[in-house]
Amino acid sequence: MATISNDGEDAARRRNAEADYRKKLLNHKELESRVRSSCRSKVDKGKTDFRT
């Protein structure tokens, strides 16, 4: 049987885990965006080099 303090600790742990997950997800999205924009600019540069 869980006590009230254990339930509170579990809830706090869950909130912390969720916050950490959200931070990692946001970081991943930002990195993916940077990589895509970098790749896109390289492709665009390659297209202009090819045309000239």
N, C-alpha and C. Protein backbone atom coordinates (compact mmCIF):
# COMPACT_ATOMS: atom_id res chain seq x y z
N MET A 1 0.83 -1.17 0.00
CA MET A 1 0.00 0.00 0.00
C MET A 1 0.89 1.24 0.00
N ALA A 2 0.63 2.15 -0.91
CA ALA A 2 1.44 3.36 -1.04
C ALA A 2 0.97 4.42 -0.06
N THR A 3 1.92 5.12 0.47
CA THR A 3 1.57 6.21 1.37
C THR A 3 1.41 7.49 0.57
N ILE A 4 0.88 8.50 1.21
CA ILE A 4 0.64 9.77 0.52
C ILE A 4 1.96 10.39 0.07
N SER A 5 2.99 10.31 0.91
CA SER A 5 4.28 10.90 0.54
C SER A 5 4.88 10.18 -0.66
N ASN A 6 4.72 8.86 -0.73
CA ASN A 6 5.23 8.12 -1.88
C ASN A 6 4.49 8.49 -3.15
N ASP A 7 3.18 8.70 -3.04
CA ASP A 7 2.40 9.12 -4.21
C ASP A 7 2.86 10.48 -4.69
N GLY A 8 3.13 11.38 -3.77
CA GLY A 8 3.62 12.71 -4.13
C GLY A 8 4.99 12.65 -4.79
N GLU A 9 5.85 11.78 -4.26
CA GLU A 9 7.18 11.61 -4.85
C GLU A 9 7.08 11.02 -6.24
N ASP A 10 6.19 10.05 -6.42
CA ASP A 10 5.99 9.46 -7.74
C ASP A 10 5.49 10.49 -8.74
N ALA A 11 4.55 11.32 -8.31
CA ALA A 11 4.01 12.35 -9.19
C ALA A 11 5.10 13.35 -9.56
N ALA A 12 5.92 13.73 -8.60
CA ALA A 12 7.01 14.67 -8.87
C ALA A 12 8.01 14.05 -9.84
N ARG A 13 8.31 12.78 -9.64
CA ARG A 13 9.24 12.09 -10.53
C ARG A 13 8.68 12.02 -11.95
N ARG A 14 7.38 11.76 -12.07
CA ARG A 14 6.74 11.72 -13.39
C ARG A 14 6.79 13.08 -14.07
N ARG A 15 6.51 14.13 -13.29
CA ARG A 15 6.56 15.49 -13.86
C ARG A 15 7.97 15.82 -14.34
N ASN A 16 8.98 15.46 -13.54
CA ASN A 16 10.36 15.71 -13.94
C ASN A 16 10.74 14.92 -15.18
N ALA A 17 10.31 13.68 -15.25
CA ALA A 17 10.60 12.85 -16.42
C ALA A 17 9.94 13.44 -17.66
N GLU A 18 8.70 13.90 -17.51
CA GLU A 18 8.00 14.50 -18.64
C GLU A 18 8.68 15.79 -19.09
N ALA A 19 9.12 16.60 -18.15
CA ALA A 19 9.81 17.85 -18.48
C ALA A 19 11.13 17.56 -19.20
N ASP A 20 11.87 16.56 -18.72
CA ASP A 20 13.12 16.18 -19.38
C ASP A 20 12.86 15.69 -20.80
N TYR A 21 11.80 14.90 -20.96
CA TYR A 21 11.45 14.38 -22.28
C TYR A 21 11.11 15.53 -23.23
N ARG A 22 10.34 16.49 -22.75
CA ARG A 22 9.96 17.63 -23.59
C ARG A 22 11.19 18.44 -23.99
N LYS A 23 12.13 18.62 -23.07
CA LYS A 23 13.36 19.36 -23.39
C LYS A 23 14.15 18.63 -24.47
N LYS A 24 14.28 17.32 -24.33
CA LYS A 24 15.02 16.54 -25.31
C LYS A 24 14.32 16.57 -26.67
N LEU A 25 13.01 16.48 -26.66
CA LEU A 25 12.25 16.52 -27.90
C LEU A 25 12.41 17.86 -28.60
N LEU A 26 12.34 18.95 -27.85
CA LEU A 26 12.52 20.28 -28.42
C LEU A 26 13.93 20.43 -28.98
N ASN A 27 14.92 19.95 -28.24
CA ASN A 27 16.30 20.01 -28.70
C ASN A 27 16.47 19.24 -30.00
N HIS A 28 15.87 18.06 -30.08
CA HIS A 28 15.95 17.24 -31.29
C HIS A 28 15.31 17.97 -32.48
N LYS A 29 14.16 18.58 -32.26
CA LYS A 29 13.49 19.31 -33.33
C LYS A 29 14.33 20.47 -33.82
N GLU A 30 14.97 21.18 -32.90
CA GLU A 30 15.83 22.31 -33.28
C GLU A 30 17.03 21.83 -34.09
N LEU A 31 17.66 20.75 -33.65
CA LEU A 31 18.81 20.21 -34.38
C LEU A 31 18.40 19.72 -35.77
N GLU A 32 17.27 19.05 -35.85
CA GLU A 32 16.78 18.56 -37.13
C GLU A 32 16.51 19.72 -38.08
N SER A 33 15.95 20.79 -37.56
CA SER A 33 15.68 21.97 -38.37
C SER A 33 16.98 22.57 -38.91
N ARG A 34 17.99 22.65 -38.05
CA ARG A 34 19.28 23.19 -38.49
C ARG A 34 19.90 22.32 -39.57
N VAL A 35 19.84 21.02 -39.39
CA VAL A 35 20.42 20.10 -40.38
C VAL A 35 19.69 20.22 -41.70
N ARG A 36 18.37 20.25 -41.66
CA ARG A 36 17.60 20.37 -42.90
C ARG A 36 17.89 21.67 -43.63
N SER A 37 17.97 22.77 -42.90
CA SER A 37 18.24 24.06 -43.55
C SER A 37 19.66 24.07 -44.12
N SER A 38 20.59 23.46 -43.42
CA SER A 38 21.96 23.38 -43.91
C SER A 38 22.03 22.54 -45.18
N CYS A 39 21.36 21.41 -45.18
CA CYS A 39 21.34 20.55 -46.36
C CYS A 39 20.65 21.25 -47.52
N ARG A 40 19.57 21.95 -47.22
CA ARG A 40 18.83 22.65 -48.27
C ARG A 40 19.70 23.73 -48.91
N SER A 41 20.46 24.46 -48.09
CA SER A 41 21.31 25.52 -48.65
C SER A 41 22.43 24.91 -49.49
N LYS A 42 22.94 23.76 -49.09
CA LYS A 42 23.98 23.10 -49.89
C LYS A 42 23.42 22.63 -51.23
N VAL A 43 22.20 22.12 -51.22
CA VAL A 43 21.58 21.67 -52.46
C VAL A 43 21.33 22.86 -53.38
N ASP A 44 20.81 23.95 -52.81
CA ASP A 44 20.57 25.15 -53.61
C ASP A 44 21.86 25.68 -54.21
N LYS A 45 22.93 25.68 -53.43
CA LYS A 45 24.22 26.14 -53.93
C LYS A 45 24.71 25.21 -55.04
N GLY A 46 24.51 23.93 -54.86
CA GLY A 46 24.92 22.97 -55.89
C GLY A 46 24.14 23.17 -57.18
N LYS A 47 22.86 23.49 -57.06
CA LYS A 47 22.05 23.73 -58.26
C LYS A 47 22.55 24.96 -59.01
N THR A 48 22.87 26.03 -58.28
CA THR A 48 23.35 27.24 -58.95
C THR A 48 24.72 27.01 -59.56
N ASP A 49 25.58 26.24 -58.90
CA ASP A 49 26.89 25.92 -59.46
C ASP A 49 26.73 25.09 -60.73
N PHE A 50 25.77 24.20 -60.74
CA PHE A 50 25.55 23.33 -61.89
C PHE A 50 25.03 24.13 -63.08
N ARG A 51 24.19 25.11 -62.82
CA ARG A 51 23.60 25.91 -63.90
C ARG A 51 24.63 26.83 -64.56
N THR A 52 25.64 27.24 -63.84
CA THR A 52 26.60 28.19 -64.41
C THR A 52 27.70 27.51 -65.15
